[in-house]
N, C-alpha and C. Protein backbone atom coordinates (compact mmCIF):
# COMPACT_ATOMS: atom_id res chain seq x y z
N UNK A 1 0.85 -1.17 0.00
CA UNK A 1 0.00 0.00 0.00
C UNK A 1 0.89 1.23 0.00
N UNK A 2 0.64 2.11 -0.92
CA UNK A 2 1.37 3.37 -1.00
C UNK A 2 0.54 4.44 -0.30
N UNK A 3 1.16 5.13 0.63
CA UNK A 3 0.45 6.14 1.41
C UNK A 3 0.18 7.38 0.56
N UNK A 4 -1.02 7.91 0.70
CA UNK A 4 -1.35 9.17 0.04
C UNK A 4 -0.75 10.32 0.84
N UNK A 5 -0.69 11.48 0.22
CA UNK A 5 -0.18 12.66 0.92
C UNK A 5 -1.05 12.98 2.14
N UNK A 6 -2.36 12.80 2.02
CA UNK A 6 -3.27 13.05 3.15
C UNK A 6 -2.97 12.09 4.31
N UNK A 7 -2.69 10.83 4.00
CA UNK A 7 -2.36 9.84 5.03
C UNK A 7 -1.09 10.26 5.76
N UNK A 8 -0.07 10.64 5.01
CA UNK A 8 1.19 11.08 5.63
C UNK A 8 0.98 12.29 6.52
N UNK A 9 0.16 13.23 6.07
CA UNK A 9 -0.12 14.44 6.87
C UNK A 9 -0.85 14.07 8.15
N UNK A 10 -1.81 13.14 8.07
CA UNK A 10 -2.55 12.74 9.26
C UNK A 10 -1.63 12.06 10.28
N UNK A 11 -0.75 11.20 9.80
CA UNK A 11 0.18 10.52 10.71
C UNK A 11 1.16 11.52 11.31
N UNK A 12 1.69 12.42 10.49
CA UNK A 12 2.60 13.46 11.00
C UNK A 12 1.93 14.29 12.09
N UNK A 13 0.68 14.65 11.87
CA UNK A 13 -0.06 15.43 12.86
C UNK A 13 -0.24 14.64 14.16
N UNK A 14 -0.54 13.35 14.06
CA UNK A 14 -0.70 12.51 15.25
C UNK A 14 0.62 12.41 16.01
N UNK A 15 1.72 12.30 15.30
CA UNK A 15 3.04 12.24 15.96
C UNK A 15 3.32 13.56 16.67
N UNK A 16 3.03 14.69 16.02
CA UNK A 16 3.24 16.01 16.65
C UNK A 16 2.38 16.15 17.91
N UNK A 17 1.11 15.74 17.82
CA UNK A 17 0.23 15.85 18.98
C UNK A 17 0.72 14.97 20.13
N UNK A 18 1.25 13.81 19.80
CA UNK A 18 1.81 12.93 20.84
C UNK A 18 3.04 13.59 21.46
N UNK A 19 3.92 14.11 20.64
CA UNK A 19 5.13 14.77 21.15
C UNK A 19 4.79 15.98 22.01
N UNK A 20 3.71 16.68 21.67
CA UNK A 20 3.29 17.85 22.45
C UNK A 20 2.94 17.48 23.89
N UNK A 21 2.58 16.23 24.13
CA UNK A 21 2.25 15.77 25.49
C UNK A 21 3.51 15.63 26.35
N UNK A 22 4.68 15.62 25.71
CA UNK A 22 5.96 15.47 26.41
C UNK A 22 6.91 16.56 25.94
N UNK A 23 6.62 17.83 26.31
CA UNK A 23 7.41 18.96 25.80
C UNK A 23 8.88 18.87 26.21
N UNK A 24 9.73 19.31 25.32
CA UNK A 24 11.18 19.22 25.55
C UNK A 24 11.65 20.16 26.66
N UNK A 25 10.86 21.14 27.01
CA UNK A 25 11.26 22.08 28.05
C UNK A 25 11.21 21.47 29.44
N UNK A 26 10.49 20.37 29.57
CA UNK A 26 10.39 19.71 30.87
C UNK A 26 11.50 18.68 31.03
N UNK A 27 11.92 18.48 32.29
CA UNK A 27 12.93 17.47 32.56
C UNK A 27 12.31 16.09 32.35
N UNK A 28 13.07 15.21 31.73
CA UNK A 28 12.56 13.87 31.44
C UNK A 28 12.36 13.10 32.75
N UNK A 29 11.11 12.92 33.13
CA UNK A 29 10.82 12.17 34.34
C UNK A 29 9.79 11.08 34.09
N UNK A 30 9.20 11.11 32.91
CA UNK A 30 8.21 10.10 32.57
C UNK A 30 8.91 8.87 32.01
N UNK A 31 8.49 7.72 32.50
CA UNK A 31 9.05 6.47 32.01
C UNK A 31 7.93 5.72 31.30
N UNK A 32 7.97 5.71 29.97
CA UNK A 32 6.90 5.09 29.21
C UNK A 32 7.38 4.77 27.81
N UNK A 33 6.66 3.91 27.14
CA UNK A 33 6.78 3.73 25.71
C UNK A 33 5.55 4.36 25.09
N UNK A 34 5.58 4.59 23.81
CA UNK A 34 4.42 5.12 23.10
C UNK A 34 3.83 3.96 22.29
N UNK A 35 2.59 3.63 22.58
CA UNK A 35 1.90 2.53 21.91
C UNK A 35 1.02 3.11 20.81
N UNK A 36 1.30 2.71 19.59
CA UNK A 36 0.55 3.18 18.43
C UNK A 36 -0.41 2.07 18.06
N UNK A 37 -1.69 2.32 18.28
CA UNK A 37 -2.71 1.30 18.03
C UNK A 37 -3.46 1.66 16.75
N UNK A 38 -3.54 0.71 15.84
CA UNK A 38 -4.22 0.91 14.56
C UNK A 38 -5.34 -0.11 14.44
N UNK A 39 -6.52 0.37 14.05
CA UNK A 39 -7.66 -0.50 13.85
C UNK A 39 -7.96 -0.58 12.36
N UNK A 40 -7.88 -1.77 11.83
CA UNK A 40 -8.01 -1.98 10.39
C UNK A 40 -9.41 -1.65 9.88
N UNK A 41 -10.45 -1.98 10.64
CA UNK A 41 -11.81 -1.75 10.17
C UNK A 41 -12.19 -0.27 10.12
N UNK A 42 -11.77 0.48 11.14
CA UNK A 42 -12.20 1.88 11.24
C UNK A 42 -11.16 2.87 10.74
N UNK A 43 -9.92 2.40 10.55
CA UNK A 43 -8.85 3.29 10.12
C UNK A 43 -8.31 4.18 11.23
N UNK A 44 -8.72 3.91 12.46
CA UNK A 44 -8.27 4.73 13.59
C UNK A 44 -6.81 4.48 13.91
N UNK A 45 -6.09 5.55 14.17
CA UNK A 45 -4.73 5.50 14.68
C UNK A 45 -4.76 6.24 16.01
N UNK A 46 -4.37 5.55 17.07
CA UNK A 46 -4.37 6.14 18.41
C UNK A 46 -3.01 5.92 19.05
N UNK A 47 -2.60 6.84 19.90
CA UNK A 47 -1.37 6.64 20.66
C UNK A 47 -1.72 6.64 22.14
N UNK A 48 -1.01 5.80 22.89
CA UNK A 48 -1.22 5.64 24.32
C UNK A 48 0.12 5.58 25.03
N UNK A 49 0.10 5.89 26.33
CA UNK A 49 1.28 5.68 27.15
C UNK A 49 1.17 4.28 27.78
N UNK A 50 2.13 3.92 28.63
CA UNK A 50 2.12 2.59 29.26
C UNK A 50 0.92 2.36 30.17
N UNK A 51 0.34 3.43 30.69
CA UNK A 51 -0.82 3.31 31.57
C UNK A 51 -2.13 3.32 30.79
N UNK A 52 -2.03 3.16 29.48
CA UNK A 52 -3.17 3.10 28.57
C UNK A 52 -3.98 4.40 28.55
N UNK A 53 -3.29 5.51 28.85
CA UNK A 53 -3.93 6.82 28.70
C UNK A 53 -3.79 7.26 27.26
N UNK A 54 -4.89 7.64 26.67
CA UNK A 54 -4.87 8.06 25.27
C UNK A 54 -4.17 9.40 25.15
N UNK A 55 -3.25 9.48 24.19
CA UNK A 55 -2.52 10.71 23.94
C UNK A 55 -3.13 11.47 22.77
N UNK A 56 -3.49 10.75 21.72
CA UNK A 56 -4.16 11.36 20.56
C UNK A 56 -4.79 10.27 19.73
N UNK A 57 -5.67 10.70 18.82
CA UNK A 57 -6.29 9.77 17.88
C UNK A 57 -6.68 10.52 16.62
N UNK A 58 -6.72 9.76 15.53
CA UNK A 58 -7.19 10.30 14.26
C UNK A 58 -7.70 9.13 13.43
N UNK A 59 -8.41 9.44 12.37
CA UNK A 59 -8.88 8.42 11.44
C UNK A 59 -8.14 8.63 10.12
N UNK A 60 -7.47 7.59 9.69
CA UNK A 60 -6.76 7.62 8.42
C UNK A 60 -7.72 7.01 7.39
N UNK A 61 -8.29 7.87 6.58
CA UNK A 61 -9.33 7.43 5.65
C UNK A 61 -8.86 6.33 4.72
N UNK A 62 -7.62 6.36 4.30
CA UNK A 62 -7.08 5.36 3.39
C UNK A 62 -7.10 3.96 4.02
N UNK A 63 -7.10 3.88 5.35
CA UNK A 63 -7.03 2.59 6.03
C UNK A 63 -8.40 2.02 6.38
N UNK A 64 -9.48 2.78 6.23
CA UNK A 64 -10.80 2.30 6.60
C UNK A 64 -11.16 1.08 5.76
N UNK A 65 -11.55 0.00 6.44
CA UNK A 65 -11.95 -1.26 5.80
C UNK A 65 -10.91 -1.83 4.85
N UNK A 66 -9.64 -1.57 5.12
CA UNK A 66 -8.57 -2.13 4.31
C UNK A 66 -8.47 -3.62 4.63
N UNK A 67 -8.58 -4.45 3.63
CA UNK A 67 -8.58 -5.91 3.82
C UNK A 67 -7.27 -6.57 3.42
N UNK A 68 -6.23 -5.78 3.15
CA UNK A 68 -4.93 -6.33 2.75
C UNK A 68 -4.38 -7.27 3.82
N UNK A 69 -3.84 -8.41 3.38
CA UNK A 69 -3.24 -9.35 4.32
C UNK A 69 -2.00 -8.77 5.00
N UNK A 70 -1.31 -7.90 4.29
CA UNK A 70 -0.10 -7.30 4.85
C UNK A 70 -0.35 -5.89 5.38
N UNK A 71 -1.58 -5.63 5.82
CA UNK A 71 -1.98 -4.31 6.29
C UNK A 71 -1.02 -3.77 7.35
N UNK A 72 -0.77 -4.55 8.41
CA UNK A 72 0.03 -4.04 9.52
C UNK A 72 1.50 -3.85 9.13
N UNK A 73 2.01 -4.68 8.22
CA UNK A 73 3.38 -4.50 7.76
C UNK A 73 3.49 -3.19 6.97
N UNK A 74 2.48 -2.93 6.13
CA UNK A 74 2.47 -1.68 5.35
C UNK A 74 2.35 -0.47 6.25
N UNK A 75 1.46 -0.56 7.23
CA UNK A 75 1.26 0.53 8.18
C UNK A 75 2.55 0.80 8.96
N UNK A 76 3.23 -0.26 9.38
CA UNK A 76 4.48 -0.10 10.12
C UNK A 76 5.51 0.65 9.28
N UNK A 77 5.62 0.31 8.02
CA UNK A 77 6.58 0.98 7.13
C UNK A 77 6.24 2.46 6.98
N UNK A 78 4.97 2.76 6.80
CA UNK A 78 4.53 4.15 6.62
C UNK A 78 4.79 4.96 7.89
N UNK A 79 4.43 4.41 9.05
CA UNK A 79 4.62 5.15 10.31
C UNK A 79 6.11 5.34 10.59
N UNK A 80 6.93 4.32 10.28
CA UNK A 80 8.38 4.47 10.46
C UNK A 80 8.91 5.64 9.64
N UNK A 81 8.43 5.74 8.40
CA UNK A 81 8.87 6.85 7.54
C UNK A 81 8.52 8.19 8.18
N UNK A 82 7.31 8.30 8.70
CA UNK A 82 6.88 9.55 9.34
C UNK A 82 7.70 9.84 10.59
N UNK A 83 7.96 8.81 11.39
CA UNK A 83 8.77 9.01 12.60
C UNK A 83 10.19 9.43 12.23
N UNK A 84 10.75 8.85 11.20
CA UNK A 84 12.10 9.23 10.76
C UNK A 84 12.14 10.67 10.27
N UNK A 85 11.08 11.10 9.58
CA UNK A 85 11.04 12.49 9.10
C UNK A 85 10.97 13.47 10.27
N UNK A 86 10.38 13.05 11.38
CA UNK A 86 10.24 13.92 12.55
C UNK A 86 11.18 13.49 13.68
N UNK A 87 12.26 12.85 13.29
CA UNK A 87 13.22 12.27 14.24
C UNK A 87 13.65 13.25 15.34
N UNK A 88 14.01 14.45 14.98
CA UNK A 88 14.51 15.42 15.97
C UNK A 88 13.47 15.68 17.06
N UNK A 89 12.22 15.92 16.66
CA UNK A 89 11.16 16.18 17.62
C UNK A 89 10.90 14.95 18.49
N UNK A 90 10.88 13.77 17.89
CA UNK A 90 10.61 12.53 18.61
C UNK A 90 11.71 12.24 19.62
N UNK A 91 12.94 12.47 19.24
CA UNK A 91 14.07 12.19 20.14
C UNK A 91 14.16 13.18 21.28
N UNK A 92 13.53 14.35 21.15
CA UNK A 92 13.60 15.37 22.21
C UNK A 92 12.40 15.33 23.16
N UNK A 93 11.53 14.33 23.01
CA UNK A 93 10.39 14.23 23.93
C UNK A 93 10.91 14.00 25.34
N UNK A 94 10.23 14.58 26.33
CA UNK A 94 10.69 14.48 27.72
C UNK A 94 10.26 13.15 28.35
N UNK A 95 10.83 12.09 27.81
CA UNK A 95 10.61 10.73 28.30
C UNK A 95 11.98 10.14 28.60
N UNK A 96 12.09 9.42 29.72
CA UNK A 96 13.36 8.80 30.07
C UNK A 96 13.76 7.79 29.00
N UNK A 97 15.01 7.85 28.60
CA UNK A 97 15.52 6.94 27.57
C UNK A 97 16.01 5.65 28.21
N UNK A 98 15.89 4.54 27.56
CA UNK A 98 15.36 4.32 26.22
C UNK A 98 13.83 4.20 26.26
N UNK A 99 13.22 4.61 25.16
CA UNK A 99 11.79 4.39 24.96
C UNK A 99 11.54 4.08 23.49
N UNK A 100 10.38 3.52 23.23
CA UNK A 100 10.10 3.08 21.87
C UNK A 100 8.67 3.42 21.47
N UNK A 101 8.46 3.55 20.17
CA UNK A 101 7.14 3.60 19.59
C UNK A 101 6.85 2.17 19.13
N UNK A 102 5.76 1.61 19.64
CA UNK A 102 5.42 0.21 19.38
C UNK A 102 4.08 0.14 18.67
N UNK A 103 4.03 -0.57 17.54
CA UNK A 103 2.78 -0.74 16.82
C UNK A 103 1.99 -1.88 17.44
N UNK A 104 0.68 -1.63 17.67
CA UNK A 104 -0.21 -2.64 18.22
C UNK A 104 -1.44 -2.75 17.34
N UNK A 105 -2.05 -3.93 17.34
CA UNK A 105 -3.34 -4.07 16.66
C UNK A 105 -4.44 -3.67 17.64
N UNK A 106 -5.69 -3.76 17.21
CA UNK A 106 -6.78 -3.30 18.08
C UNK A 106 -7.02 -4.22 19.28
N UNK A 107 -6.35 -5.38 19.32
CA UNK A 107 -6.42 -6.27 20.48
C UNK A 107 -5.25 -6.02 21.45
N UNK A 108 -4.52 -4.95 21.22
CA UNK A 108 -3.37 -4.54 22.04
C UNK A 108 -2.20 -5.50 21.96
N UNK A 109 -2.14 -6.24 20.86
CA UNK A 109 -1.01 -7.14 20.62
C UNK A 109 0.12 -6.35 19.98
N UNK A 110 1.30 -6.41 20.57
CA UNK A 110 2.45 -5.72 19.99
C UNK A 110 2.85 -6.42 18.69
N UNK A 111 2.96 -5.65 17.62
CA UNK A 111 3.28 -6.20 16.31
C UNK A 111 4.70 -5.86 15.87
N UNK A 112 5.17 -4.65 16.21
CA UNK A 112 6.49 -4.23 15.74
C UNK A 112 6.97 -3.03 16.53
N UNK A 113 8.29 -2.96 16.73
CA UNK A 113 8.88 -1.73 17.24
C UNK A 113 9.09 -0.83 16.04
N UNK A 114 8.57 0.37 16.12
CA UNK A 114 8.63 1.30 15.00
C UNK A 114 9.85 2.21 15.07
N UNK A 115 10.20 2.60 16.29
CA UNK A 115 11.26 3.60 16.47
C UNK A 115 11.75 3.48 17.90
N UNK A 116 13.03 3.40 18.08
CA UNK A 116 13.61 3.34 19.42
C UNK A 116 14.43 4.59 19.65
N UNK A 117 14.20 5.24 20.78
CA UNK A 117 14.98 6.41 21.16
C UNK A 117 15.86 5.98 22.32
N UNK A 118 17.17 6.11 22.09
CA UNK A 118 18.14 5.65 23.05
C UNK A 118 19.34 6.58 22.99
N UNK A 119 20.16 6.58 24.02
CA UNK A 119 21.37 7.37 23.99
C UNK A 119 22.40 6.75 23.06
N UNK A 120 22.19 5.49 22.73
CA UNK A 120 23.09 4.77 21.82
C UNK A 120 22.63 5.04 20.39
N UNK A 121 23.31 4.47 19.44
CA UNK A 121 22.94 4.60 18.04
C UNK A 121 22.10 3.41 17.61
N UNK A 122 20.97 3.21 18.27
CA UNK A 122 20.07 2.11 17.95
C UNK A 122 19.20 2.51 16.79
N UNK A 123 19.07 1.61 15.82
CA UNK A 123 18.27 1.88 14.64
C UNK A 123 17.37 0.68 14.38
N UNK A 124 16.11 0.94 14.05
CA UNK A 124 15.19 -0.12 13.64
C UNK A 124 15.23 -0.16 12.12
N UNK A 125 15.53 -1.32 11.58
CA UNK A 125 15.61 -1.46 10.13
C UNK A 125 14.30 -2.04 9.63
N UNK A 126 13.80 -1.47 8.57
CA UNK A 126 12.56 -1.94 7.96
C UNK A 126 12.72 -3.40 7.53
N UNK A 127 11.81 -4.28 7.93
CA UNK A 127 11.91 -5.70 7.58
C UNK A 127 11.99 -5.95 6.07
N UNK A 128 11.45 -5.07 5.27
CA UNK A 128 11.52 -5.23 3.81
C UNK A 128 12.97 -5.26 3.34
N UNK A 129 13.82 -4.50 4.00
CA UNK A 129 15.24 -4.48 3.62
C UNK A 129 15.95 -5.76 4.02
N UNK A 130 15.39 -6.47 5.00
CA UNK A 130 16.05 -7.66 5.54
C UNK A 130 15.57 -8.96 4.89
N UNK A 131 14.58 -8.90 3.99
CA UNK A 131 14.06 -10.11 3.36
C UNK A 131 15.18 -10.84 2.65
N UNK A 132 15.31 -12.14 2.90
CA UNK A 132 16.28 -12.97 2.22
C UNK A 132 17.68 -12.91 2.80
N UNK A 133 17.90 -12.07 3.79
CA UNK A 133 19.24 -11.92 4.35
C UNK A 133 19.72 -13.22 4.97
N UNK A 134 18.85 -13.91 5.69
CA UNK A 134 19.25 -15.17 6.33
C UNK A 134 19.67 -16.20 5.28
N UNK A 135 18.93 -16.30 4.19
CA UNK A 135 19.30 -17.23 3.12
C UNK A 135 20.64 -16.86 2.51
N UNK A 136 20.85 -15.57 2.28
CA UNK A 136 22.12 -15.11 1.72
C UNK A 136 23.28 -15.44 2.65
N UNK A 137 23.08 -15.24 3.95
CA UNK A 137 24.14 -15.55 4.92
C UNK A 137 24.41 -17.05 4.96
N UNK A 138 23.36 -17.88 4.90
CA UNK A 138 23.53 -19.34 4.88
C UNK A 138 24.31 -19.78 3.65
N UNK A 139 23.97 -19.22 2.48
CA UNK A 139 24.68 -19.55 1.25
C UNK A 139 26.14 -19.15 1.34
N UNK A 140 26.39 -17.96 1.89
CA UNK A 140 27.75 -17.48 2.05
C UNK A 140 28.55 -18.41 2.97
N UNK A 141 27.94 -18.82 4.09
CA UNK A 141 28.63 -19.70 5.04
C UNK A 141 28.91 -21.06 4.40
N UNK A 142 27.92 -21.61 3.68
CA UNK A 142 28.13 -22.89 2.99
C UNK A 142 29.29 -22.80 2.01
N UNK A 143 29.31 -21.74 1.23
CA UNK A 143 30.38 -21.53 0.26
C UNK A 143 31.74 -21.39 0.95
N UNK A 144 31.74 -20.67 2.06
CA UNK A 144 32.97 -20.45 2.81
C UNK A 144 33.49 -21.76 3.39
N UNK A 145 32.61 -22.59 3.93
CA UNK A 145 33.02 -23.84 4.54
C UNK A 145 33.51 -24.87 3.50
N UNK A 146 32.97 -24.80 2.29
CA UNK A 146 33.39 -25.68 1.22
C UNK A 146 34.79 -25.34 0.69
N UNK A 147 35.17 -24.09 0.86
CA UNK A 147 36.48 -23.64 0.34
C UNK A 147 37.63 -24.11 1.15
């Protein structure tokens, strides 16, 4: 699924509204992850803290009644792109590090880590880039051992 410009704007706005709940001017004293919950039937995107307090919500029209089998994988890729574009703001949220943005389905099942904020250089790599890597490494090792 290719995100429309409207979808990207809605997700960007939701990320900004979430970040506004943790202004950078305050000392980081909150210990939480950000849970991004997406409902496939309604297209709702909501963010919550660890105590299940809602931070923001919006409806992404493009996602309403989306029946794609890879819906959550596509959504994860799109949200990661938006988080990366707003990396500076996300990394400056007044939350104790490390913390993560975690994608959940409407049953609150964690599906993927979208973005990790840490003092280290931790990076979440899109699974699409990693497809076939294990097979390539196995082939390389087999070839190496035969030599």
